[in-house]
């Protein structure tokens, strides 16, 4: 019998130490291992995006002329929203 590729669950190899930690976390929660892995991947993605954002902001701050232009554009958009909220 040939399995439909779309129905087949993907396999991921992990080392024994990671598997043991996964088992321990699962025992402490009501989450399945695939749900825990999904959460871990989402958290790692968030961490990577946060680090990239921090680096981008550091690059922006290191260029005063570009930073002034950023603030000018941001002020234009803040004014265009006309919501009366001060974004300071």
N, C-alpha and C. Protein backbone atom coordinates (compact mmCIF):
# COMPACT_ATOMS: atom_id res chain seq x y z
N UNK A 1 0.84 -1.18 0.00
CA UNK A 1 0.00 0.00 0.00
C UNK A 1 0.89 1.24 0.00
N UNK A 2 0.66 2.15 -0.93
CA UNK A 2 1.45 3.38 -1.05
C UNK A 2 0.76 4.48 -0.25
N UNK A 3 1.53 5.12 0.65
CA UNK A 3 0.98 6.21 1.46
C UNK A 3 1.00 7.51 0.68
N UNK A 4 -0.02 8.29 0.86
CA UNK A 4 -0.08 9.61 0.27
C UNK A 4 0.95 10.48 1.00
N UNK A 5 1.83 11.14 0.23
CA UNK A 5 2.89 11.94 0.83
C UNK A 5 2.33 13.06 1.71
N UNK A 6 1.17 13.59 1.35
CA UNK A 6 0.58 14.68 2.14
C UNK A 6 0.07 14.19 3.49
N UNK A 7 -0.26 12.91 3.61
CA UNK A 7 -0.78 12.37 4.86
C UNK A 7 0.32 11.84 5.77
N UNK A 8 1.49 11.61 5.22
CA UNK A 8 2.60 11.06 5.98
C UNK A 8 3.17 12.13 6.93
N UNK A 9 3.39 11.75 8.16
CA UNK A 9 3.97 12.66 9.14
C UNK A 9 5.46 12.79 8.88
N UNK A 10 5.99 14.01 8.94
CA UNK A 10 7.43 14.18 8.75
C UNK A 10 8.20 13.62 9.93
N UNK A 11 9.40 13.19 9.66
CA UNK A 11 10.27 12.68 10.72
C UNK A 11 11.44 13.63 10.92
N UNK A 12 11.81 13.82 12.17
CA UNK A 12 12.95 14.65 12.51
C UNK A 12 13.80 13.88 13.50
N UNK A 13 15.09 13.83 13.25
CA UNK A 13 15.99 13.14 14.17
C UNK A 13 16.50 14.12 15.22
N UNK A 14 16.52 13.68 16.46
CA UNK A 14 17.09 14.46 17.55
C UNK A 14 18.04 13.56 18.33
N UNK A 15 19.02 14.19 18.98
CA UNK A 15 19.94 13.38 19.77
C UNK A 15 19.24 12.90 21.04
N UNK A 16 19.86 11.96 21.71
CA UNK A 16 19.22 11.36 22.90
C UNK A 16 19.00 12.36 24.03
N UNK A 17 19.92 13.30 24.20
CA UNK A 17 19.77 14.30 25.25
C UNK A 17 18.56 15.19 24.97
N UNK A 18 18.38 15.59 23.72
CA UNK A 18 17.22 16.41 23.36
C UNK A 18 15.93 15.63 23.53
N UNK A 19 15.94 14.36 23.17
CA UNK A 19 14.75 13.52 23.32
C UNK A 19 14.38 13.37 24.80
N UNK A 20 15.40 13.21 25.65
CA UNK A 20 15.14 13.09 27.08
C UNK A 20 14.52 14.37 27.62
N UNK A 21 15.04 15.53 27.21
CA UNK A 21 14.47 16.81 27.65
C UNK A 21 13.04 16.95 27.14
N UNK A 22 12.81 16.55 25.90
CA UNK A 22 11.46 16.62 25.33
C UNK A 22 10.50 15.74 26.12
N UNK A 23 10.94 14.55 26.48
CA UNK A 23 10.11 13.65 27.29
C UNK A 23 9.79 14.28 28.66
N UNK A 24 10.79 14.92 29.27
CA UNK A 24 10.60 15.55 30.58
C UNK A 24 9.61 16.71 30.50
N UNK A 25 9.76 17.52 29.46
CA UNK A 25 8.85 18.66 29.30
C UNK A 25 7.43 18.17 29.03
N UNK A 26 7.32 17.13 28.21
CA UNK A 26 6.00 16.59 27.93
C UNK A 26 5.35 16.06 29.21
N UNK A 27 6.13 15.43 30.07
CA UNK A 27 5.60 14.89 31.32
C UNK A 27 5.10 16.01 32.24
N UNK A 28 5.67 17.20 32.10
CA UNK A 28 5.28 18.33 32.95
C UNK A 28 4.15 19.16 32.37
N UNK A 29 3.80 18.88 31.13
CA UNK A 29 2.73 19.63 30.47
C UNK A 29 1.71 18.66 29.89
N UNK A 30 0.65 19.21 29.38
CA UNK A 30 -0.35 18.39 28.70
C UNK A 30 -0.19 18.48 27.19
N UNK A 31 0.97 18.92 26.74
CA UNK A 31 1.20 19.11 25.31
C UNK A 31 1.86 17.89 24.68
N UNK A 32 1.52 17.63 23.44
CA UNK A 32 2.16 16.54 22.70
C UNK A 32 3.56 16.96 22.30
N UNK A 33 4.38 15.99 21.96
CA UNK A 33 5.73 16.32 21.52
C UNK A 33 5.71 17.16 20.24
N UNK A 34 4.87 16.86 19.25
CA UNK A 34 4.82 17.73 18.08
C UNK A 34 4.41 19.17 18.45
N UNK A 35 3.49 19.33 19.39
CA UNK A 35 3.09 20.67 19.83
C UNK A 35 4.24 21.39 20.52
N UNK A 36 5.00 20.66 21.33
CA UNK A 36 6.17 21.24 22.00
C UNK A 36 7.22 21.67 20.98
N UNK A 37 7.45 20.84 19.99
CA UNK A 37 8.43 21.18 18.96
C UNK A 37 7.97 22.38 18.14
N UNK A 38 6.67 22.44 17.84
CA UNK A 38 6.13 23.61 17.13
C UNK A 38 6.38 24.87 17.93
N UNK A 39 6.13 24.80 19.24
CA UNK A 39 6.34 25.96 20.12
C UNK A 39 7.81 26.35 20.17
N UNK A 40 8.68 25.37 20.26
CA UNK A 40 10.12 25.64 20.29
C UNK A 40 10.58 26.32 19.01
N UNK A 41 10.06 25.86 17.89
CA UNK A 41 10.41 26.46 16.60
C UNK A 41 9.90 27.89 16.53
N UNK A 42 8.67 28.13 16.99
CA UNK A 42 8.12 29.48 17.00
C UNK A 42 8.96 30.41 17.88
N UNK A 43 9.38 29.92 19.05
CA UNK A 43 10.21 30.73 19.95
C UNK A 43 11.58 31.02 19.34
N UNK A 44 12.17 30.05 18.68
CA UNK A 44 13.46 30.26 18.04
C UNK A 44 13.32 31.27 16.90
N UNK A 45 12.25 31.17 16.14
CA UNK A 45 12.00 32.13 15.06
C UNK A 45 11.85 33.54 15.63
N UNK A 46 11.10 33.68 16.72
CA UNK A 46 10.93 34.97 17.37
C UNK A 46 12.26 35.52 17.87
N UNK A 47 13.07 34.66 18.47
CA UNK A 47 14.38 35.08 18.96
C UNK A 47 15.26 35.59 17.82
N UNK A 48 15.25 34.87 16.71
CA UNK A 48 16.07 35.27 15.56
C UNK A 48 15.59 36.61 14.98
N UNK A 49 14.27 36.79 14.89
CA UNK A 49 13.73 38.05 14.38
C UNK A 49 14.06 39.20 15.33
N UNK A 50 13.99 38.94 16.62
CA UNK A 50 14.31 39.96 17.62
C UNK A 50 15.77 40.39 17.51
N UNK A 51 16.66 39.42 17.36
CA UNK A 51 18.09 39.74 17.22
C UNK A 51 18.33 40.54 15.94
N UNK A 52 17.64 40.18 14.85
CA UNK A 52 17.80 40.92 13.60
C UNK A 52 17.29 42.34 13.75
N UNK A 53 16.15 42.51 14.43
CA UNK A 53 15.60 43.84 14.66
C UNK A 53 16.57 44.68 15.49
N UNK A 54 17.13 44.10 16.54
CA UNK A 54 18.09 44.81 17.38
C UNK A 54 19.31 45.24 16.58
N UNK A 55 19.79 44.36 15.71
CA UNK A 55 20.94 44.70 14.88
C UNK A 55 20.58 45.80 13.89
N UNK A 56 19.40 45.71 13.30
CA UNK A 56 18.96 46.75 12.37
C UNK A 56 18.84 48.10 13.06
N UNK A 57 18.31 48.12 14.27
CA UNK A 57 18.19 49.38 15.01
C UNK A 57 19.56 49.93 15.40
N UNK A 58 20.49 49.05 15.77
CA UNK A 58 21.84 49.50 16.09
C UNK A 58 22.50 50.10 14.85
N UNK A 59 22.29 49.49 13.71
CA UNK A 59 22.83 50.03 12.46
C UNK A 59 22.22 51.40 12.16
N UNK A 60 20.91 51.53 12.38
CA UNK A 60 20.23 52.79 12.14
C UNK A 60 20.76 53.88 13.07
N UNK A 61 20.90 53.58 14.33
CA UNK A 61 21.37 54.56 15.31
C UNK A 61 22.81 54.99 15.01
N UNK A 62 23.59 54.11 14.42
CA UNK A 62 24.99 54.44 14.13
C UNK A 62 25.13 55.37 12.92
N UNK A 63 24.02 55.68 12.26
CA UNK A 63 24.05 56.56 11.09
C UNK A 63 23.11 57.75 11.34
N UNK A 64 23.62 58.82 11.95
CA UNK A 64 22.76 59.94 12.35
C UNK A 64 21.91 60.52 11.21
N UNK A 65 22.46 60.64 10.03
CA UNK A 65 21.70 61.21 8.91
C UNK A 65 20.51 60.30 8.56
N UNK A 66 20.75 59.02 8.50
CA UNK A 66 19.69 58.06 8.20
C UNK A 66 18.67 58.03 9.33
N UNK A 67 19.14 58.14 10.58
CA UNK A 67 18.24 58.15 11.73
C UNK A 67 17.32 59.37 11.69
N UNK A 68 17.87 60.53 11.34
CA UNK A 68 17.04 61.74 11.22
C UNK A 68 15.95 61.54 10.16
N UNK A 69 16.32 60.93 9.04
CA UNK A 69 15.35 60.67 7.97
C UNK A 69 14.27 59.69 8.46
N UNK A 70 14.68 58.69 9.20
CA UNK A 70 13.72 57.74 9.78
C UNK A 70 12.72 58.47 10.68
N UNK A 71 13.23 59.35 11.54
CA UNK A 71 12.36 60.11 12.45
C UNK A 71 11.43 61.04 11.67
N UNK A 72 11.93 61.63 10.58
CA UNK A 72 11.10 62.51 9.76
C UNK A 72 9.95 61.72 9.15
N UNK A 73 10.26 60.56 8.61
CA UNK A 73 9.22 59.72 7.99
C UNK A 73 8.24 59.24 9.05
N UNK A 74 8.75 58.82 10.20
CA UNK A 74 7.87 58.35 11.28
C UNK A 74 6.94 59.47 11.73
N UNK A 75 7.45 60.70 11.84
CA UNK A 75 6.62 61.83 12.25
C UNK A 75 5.53 62.09 11.21
N UNK A 76 5.87 61.95 9.94
CA UNK A 76 4.88 62.13 8.88
C UNK A 76 3.76 61.13 9.02
N UNK A 77 4.10 59.87 9.24
CA UNK A 77 3.07 58.84 9.40
C UNK A 77 2.27 59.04 10.68
N UNK A 78 2.94 59.44 11.76
CA UNK A 78 2.22 59.70 13.01
C UNK A 78 1.22 60.84 12.82
N UNK A 79 1.62 61.89 12.10
CA UNK A 79 0.72 63.00 11.83
C UNK A 79 -0.40 62.62 10.91
N UNK A 80 -0.11 61.75 9.97
CA UNK A 80 -1.13 61.33 8.99
C UNK A 80 -2.21 60.46 9.63
N UNK A 81 -1.88 59.82 10.72
CA UNK A 81 -2.88 58.95 11.36
C UNK A 81 -4.00 59.77 11.99
N UNK A 82 -3.68 61.00 12.40
CA UNK A 82 -4.64 61.94 12.96
C UNK A 82 -5.49 61.32 14.07
N UNK A 83 -4.88 60.45 14.84
CA UNK A 83 -5.63 59.82 15.93
C UNK A 83 -5.48 60.58 17.24
N UNK A 84 -4.64 61.61 17.25
CA UNK A 84 -4.47 62.42 18.44
C UNK A 84 -3.58 61.80 19.50
N UNK A 85 -3.01 60.64 19.22
CA UNK A 85 -2.14 59.98 20.20
C UNK A 85 -0.69 60.38 19.96
N UNK A 86 -0.01 60.76 21.00
CA UNK A 86 1.40 61.11 20.91
C UNK A 86 2.21 59.84 21.08
N UNK A 87 3.08 59.54 20.16
CA UNK A 87 3.83 58.27 20.15
C UNK A 87 5.14 58.34 20.92
N UNK A 88 5.30 59.32 21.81
CA UNK A 88 6.57 59.48 22.55
C UNK A 88 6.67 58.53 23.69
